């Protein structure tokens, strides 16, 4: 039996959609682009990271978050090395 999507599911999907189309991003950029609250974006990013959909960027990233220097968000697929033949 499937359950109906919750607002939390929709928020997580909104964050993932922006990350997949605009990565790398900071949390502040995600907040601005999604219109969601800081707490909602942070929770969605943590869940997406736990699910393997986003990863933490390195300190050499161009995009950094003033509140957390050296932190940026990118889709895991964008950071995955190409498959070897």
N, C-alpha and C. Protein backbone atom coordinates (compact mmCIF):
# COMPACT_ATOMS: atom_id res chain seq x y z
N UNK A 1 0.84 -1.17 0.00
CA UNK A 1 0.00 0.00 0.00
C UNK A 1 0.89 1.24 0.00
N UNK A 2 0.57 2.21 -0.86
CA UNK A 2 1.35 3.43 -0.93
C UNK A 2 0.64 4.54 -0.17
N UNK A 3 1.41 5.42 0.41
CA UNK A 3 0.82 6.54 1.13
C UNK A 3 0.91 7.80 0.26
N UNK A 4 0.07 8.76 0.57
CA UNK A 4 0.10 10.02 -0.16
C UNK A 4 1.33 10.81 0.23
N UNK A 5 1.91 11.56 -0.72
CA UNK A 5 3.08 12.38 -0.40
C UNK A 5 2.72 13.45 0.64
N UNK A 6 3.65 13.73 1.52
CA UNK A 6 3.45 14.75 2.54
C UNK A 6 4.10 16.06 2.07
N UNK A 7 3.85 17.13 2.80
CA UNK A 7 4.50 18.40 2.47
C UNK A 7 6.01 18.26 2.59
N UNK A 8 6.46 17.44 3.51
CA UNK A 8 7.90 17.18 3.66
C UNK A 8 8.46 16.53 2.40
N UNK A 9 7.72 15.59 1.83
CA UNK A 9 8.14 14.95 0.58
C UNK A 9 8.23 15.97 -0.56
N UNK A 10 7.23 16.84 -0.64
CA UNK A 10 7.25 17.87 -1.69
C UNK A 10 8.42 18.84 -1.50
N UNK A 11 8.69 19.22 -0.26
CA UNK A 11 9.81 20.12 0.01
C UNK A 11 11.14 19.47 -0.37
N UNK A 12 11.30 18.21 -0.03
CA UNK A 12 12.52 17.47 -0.36
C UNK A 12 12.67 17.38 -1.88
N UNK A 13 11.58 17.13 -2.58
CA UNK A 13 11.61 17.05 -4.04
C UNK A 13 11.96 18.41 -4.65
N UNK A 14 11.45 19.48 -4.06
CA UNK A 14 11.76 20.83 -4.55
C UNK A 14 13.25 21.13 -4.42
N UNK A 15 13.80 20.78 -3.27
CA UNK A 15 15.24 21.00 -3.04
C UNK A 15 16.05 20.16 -4.02
N UNK A 16 15.70 18.91 -4.18
CA UNK A 16 16.44 18.03 -5.10
C UNK A 16 16.36 18.55 -6.53
N UNK A 17 15.19 19.01 -6.95
CA UNK A 17 15.03 19.54 -8.30
C UNK A 17 15.98 20.71 -8.54
N UNK A 18 16.06 21.63 -7.59
CA UNK A 18 16.95 22.78 -7.74
C UNK A 18 18.41 22.33 -7.75
N UNK A 19 18.76 21.40 -6.87
CA UNK A 19 20.14 20.92 -6.81
C UNK A 19 20.54 20.25 -8.12
N UNK A 20 19.66 19.44 -8.67
CA UNK A 20 19.98 18.73 -9.90
C UNK A 20 20.13 19.67 -11.10
N UNK A 21 19.44 20.79 -11.08
CA UNK A 21 19.50 21.70 -12.21
C UNK A 21 20.50 22.84 -12.03
N UNK A 22 20.90 23.15 -10.79
CA UNK A 22 21.71 24.34 -10.55
C UNK A 22 22.97 24.11 -9.73
N UNK A 23 23.32 22.88 -9.40
CA UNK A 23 24.48 22.60 -8.55
C UNK A 23 25.76 23.11 -9.19
N UNK A 24 26.77 23.49 -8.41
CA UNK A 24 26.79 23.50 -6.94
C UNK A 24 26.08 24.72 -6.37
N UNK A 25 25.54 24.56 -5.18
CA UNK A 25 24.77 25.61 -4.52
C UNK A 25 25.11 25.67 -3.04
N UNK A 26 24.85 26.80 -2.45
CA UNK A 26 24.94 26.92 -0.99
C UNK A 26 23.53 26.76 -0.43
N UNK A 27 23.45 26.56 0.87
CA UNK A 27 22.14 26.49 1.51
C UNK A 27 21.38 27.80 1.31
N UNK A 28 22.08 28.92 1.42
CA UNK A 28 21.41 30.21 1.24
C UNK A 28 20.82 30.33 -0.17
N UNK A 29 21.53 29.84 -1.16
CA UNK A 29 21.00 29.86 -2.53
C UNK A 29 19.78 28.95 -2.64
N UNK A 30 19.84 27.79 -1.98
CA UNK A 30 18.70 26.88 -2.00
C UNK A 30 17.48 27.52 -1.35
N UNK A 31 17.70 28.22 -0.25
CA UNK A 31 16.61 28.92 0.43
C UNK A 31 15.98 29.95 -0.51
N UNK A 32 16.83 30.72 -1.16
CA UNK A 32 16.35 31.76 -2.07
C UNK A 32 15.60 31.16 -3.27
N UNK A 33 16.16 30.11 -3.86
CA UNK A 33 15.58 29.53 -5.07
C UNK A 33 14.30 28.73 -4.81
N UNK A 34 14.20 28.11 -3.64
CA UNK A 34 13.02 27.29 -3.34
C UNK A 34 11.95 28.07 -2.61
N UNK A 35 12.34 29.15 -1.91
CA UNK A 35 11.38 29.89 -1.11
C UNK A 35 11.03 29.20 0.19
N UNK A 36 11.79 28.15 0.52
CA UNK A 36 11.55 27.41 1.77
C UNK A 36 12.35 28.02 2.91
N UNK A 37 11.98 27.70 4.13
CA UNK A 37 12.69 28.23 5.29
C UNK A 37 14.06 27.57 5.44
N UNK A 38 14.92 28.20 6.22
CA UNK A 38 16.25 27.67 6.48
C UNK A 38 16.16 26.28 7.11
N UNK A 39 15.26 26.12 8.07
CA UNK A 39 15.12 24.82 8.74
C UNK A 39 14.63 23.74 7.77
N UNK A 40 13.70 24.09 6.91
CA UNK A 40 13.17 23.13 5.94
C UNK A 40 14.24 22.72 4.95
N UNK A 41 15.00 23.68 4.44
CA UNK A 41 16.08 23.37 3.49
C UNK A 41 17.15 22.52 4.18
N UNK A 42 17.53 22.88 5.38
CA UNK A 42 18.55 22.11 6.10
C UNK A 42 18.11 20.67 6.31
N UNK A 43 16.85 20.48 6.72
CA UNK A 43 16.33 19.13 6.93
C UNK A 43 16.32 18.35 5.62
N UNK A 44 15.86 19.00 4.54
CA UNK A 44 15.81 18.33 3.24
C UNK A 44 17.20 17.95 2.75
N UNK A 45 18.17 18.86 2.91
CA UNK A 45 19.55 18.58 2.49
C UNK A 45 20.12 17.42 3.29
N UNK A 46 19.89 17.40 4.59
CA UNK A 46 20.40 16.30 5.41
C UNK A 46 19.79 14.97 4.99
N UNK A 47 18.49 14.96 4.72
CA UNK A 47 17.83 13.73 4.27
C UNK A 47 18.36 13.30 2.90
N UNK A 48 18.53 14.26 2.00
CA UNK A 48 19.05 13.94 0.67
C UNK A 48 20.49 13.46 0.74
N UNK A 49 21.27 14.01 1.67
CA UNK A 49 22.65 13.55 1.84
C UNK A 49 22.65 12.12 2.39
N UNK A 50 21.79 11.86 3.36
CA UNK A 50 21.70 10.50 3.93
C UNK A 50 21.24 9.50 2.87
N UNK A 51 20.40 9.95 1.95
CA UNK A 51 19.91 9.08 0.88
C UNK A 51 20.90 8.95 -0.28
N UNK A 52 22.00 9.74 -0.24
CA UNK A 52 23.02 9.67 -1.28
C UNK A 52 22.75 10.54 -2.49
N UNK A 53 21.80 11.48 -2.40
CA UNK A 53 21.47 12.33 -3.53
C UNK A 53 22.31 13.60 -3.60
N UNK A 54 22.82 14.07 -2.49
CA UNK A 54 23.68 15.24 -2.49
C UNK A 54 24.93 14.95 -1.66
N UNK A 55 25.99 15.68 -1.96
CA UNK A 55 27.22 15.54 -1.20
C UNK A 55 27.72 16.91 -0.79
N UNK A 56 28.54 16.92 0.24
CA UNK A 56 29.17 18.14 0.72
C UNK A 56 30.33 18.47 -0.19
N UNK A 57 30.44 19.71 -0.65
CA UNK A 57 31.54 20.13 -1.50
C UNK A 57 32.80 20.36 -0.68
N UNK A 58 33.92 20.44 -1.36
CA UNK A 58 35.20 20.68 -0.70
C UNK A 58 35.47 22.15 -0.47
N UNK A 59 36.55 22.44 0.22
CA UNK A 59 36.88 23.82 0.55
C UNK A 59 37.32 24.62 -0.68
N UNK A 60 37.64 23.95 -1.77
CA UNK A 60 38.07 24.65 -2.98
C UNK A 60 36.90 25.06 -3.87
N UNK A 61 35.68 24.79 -3.44
CA UNK A 61 34.52 25.18 -4.22
C UNK A 61 34.44 26.70 -4.32
N UNK A 62 33.95 27.16 -5.44
CA UNK A 62 33.75 28.59 -5.62
C UNK A 62 32.60 29.07 -4.75
N UNK A 63 31.55 28.27 -4.64
CA UNK A 63 30.36 28.63 -3.87
C UNK A 63 30.56 28.25 -2.41
N UNK A 64 30.60 29.22 -1.55
CA UNK A 64 30.72 28.94 -0.13
C UNK A 64 29.60 29.63 0.61
N UNK A 65 29.25 29.07 1.72
CA UNK A 65 28.19 29.62 2.54
C UNK A 65 28.82 30.44 3.66
N UNK A 66 28.48 31.72 3.79
CA UNK A 66 29.09 32.56 4.83
C UNK A 66 28.92 31.99 6.24
N UNK A 67 27.80 31.33 6.48
CA UNK A 67 27.56 30.76 7.81
C UNK A 67 28.42 29.53 8.07
N UNK A 68 28.76 28.82 7.00
CA UNK A 68 29.57 27.60 7.11
C UNK A 68 30.61 27.64 6.00
N UNK A 69 31.71 28.36 6.18
CA UNK A 69 32.71 28.49 5.12
C UNK A 69 33.16 27.13 4.58
N UNK A 70 33.31 27.08 3.26
CA UNK A 70 33.79 25.85 2.63
C UNK A 70 32.70 24.84 2.37
N UNK A 71 31.44 25.21 2.57
CA UNK A 71 30.35 24.27 2.37
C UNK A 71 29.56 24.65 1.13
N UNK A 72 29.37 23.70 0.26
CA UNK A 72 28.48 23.91 -0.89
C UNK A 72 27.78 22.60 -1.14
N UNK A 73 26.74 22.63 -1.94
CA UNK A 73 25.95 21.44 -2.18
C UNK A 73 25.93 21.15 -3.67
N UNK A 74 26.11 19.90 -4.02
CA UNK A 74 26.09 19.50 -5.42
C UNK A 74 25.41 18.15 -5.53
N UNK A 75 24.88 17.88 -6.69
CA UNK A 75 24.26 16.58 -6.89
C UNK A 75 25.34 15.51 -6.90
N UNK A 76 25.02 14.37 -6.31
CA UNK A 76 25.99 13.28 -6.27
C UNK A 76 26.38 12.84 -7.67
N UNK A 77 25.44 12.87 -8.60
CA UNK A 77 25.75 12.45 -9.97
C UNK A 77 26.73 13.41 -10.64
N UNK A 78 26.68 14.67 -10.26
CA UNK A 78 27.62 15.64 -10.85
C UNK A 78 29.02 15.43 -10.33
N UNK A 79 29.16 14.83 -9.20
CA UNK A 79 30.48 14.63 -8.59
C UNK A 79 31.03 13.23 -8.80
N UNK A 80 30.19 12.34 -9.29
CA UNK A 80 30.61 10.95 -9.47
C UNK A 80 31.59 10.84 -10.62
N UNK A 81 32.73 10.16 -10.45
CA UNK A 81 33.68 10.00 -11.55
C UNK A 81 33.04 9.21 -12.69
N UNK A 82 33.46 9.47 -13.93
CA UNK A 82 32.87 8.73 -15.06
C UNK A 82 33.15 7.24 -14.93
N UNK A 83 32.19 6.45 -15.38
CA UNK A 83 32.33 4.99 -15.33
C UNK A 83 33.40 4.56 -16.32
N UNK A 84 34.22 3.61 -15.90
CA UNK A 84 35.24 3.11 -16.81
C UNK A 84 34.66 2.01 -17.69
N UNK A 85 35.13 1.95 -18.91
CA UNK A 85 34.59 0.98 -19.87
C UNK A 85 35.23 -0.36 -19.70
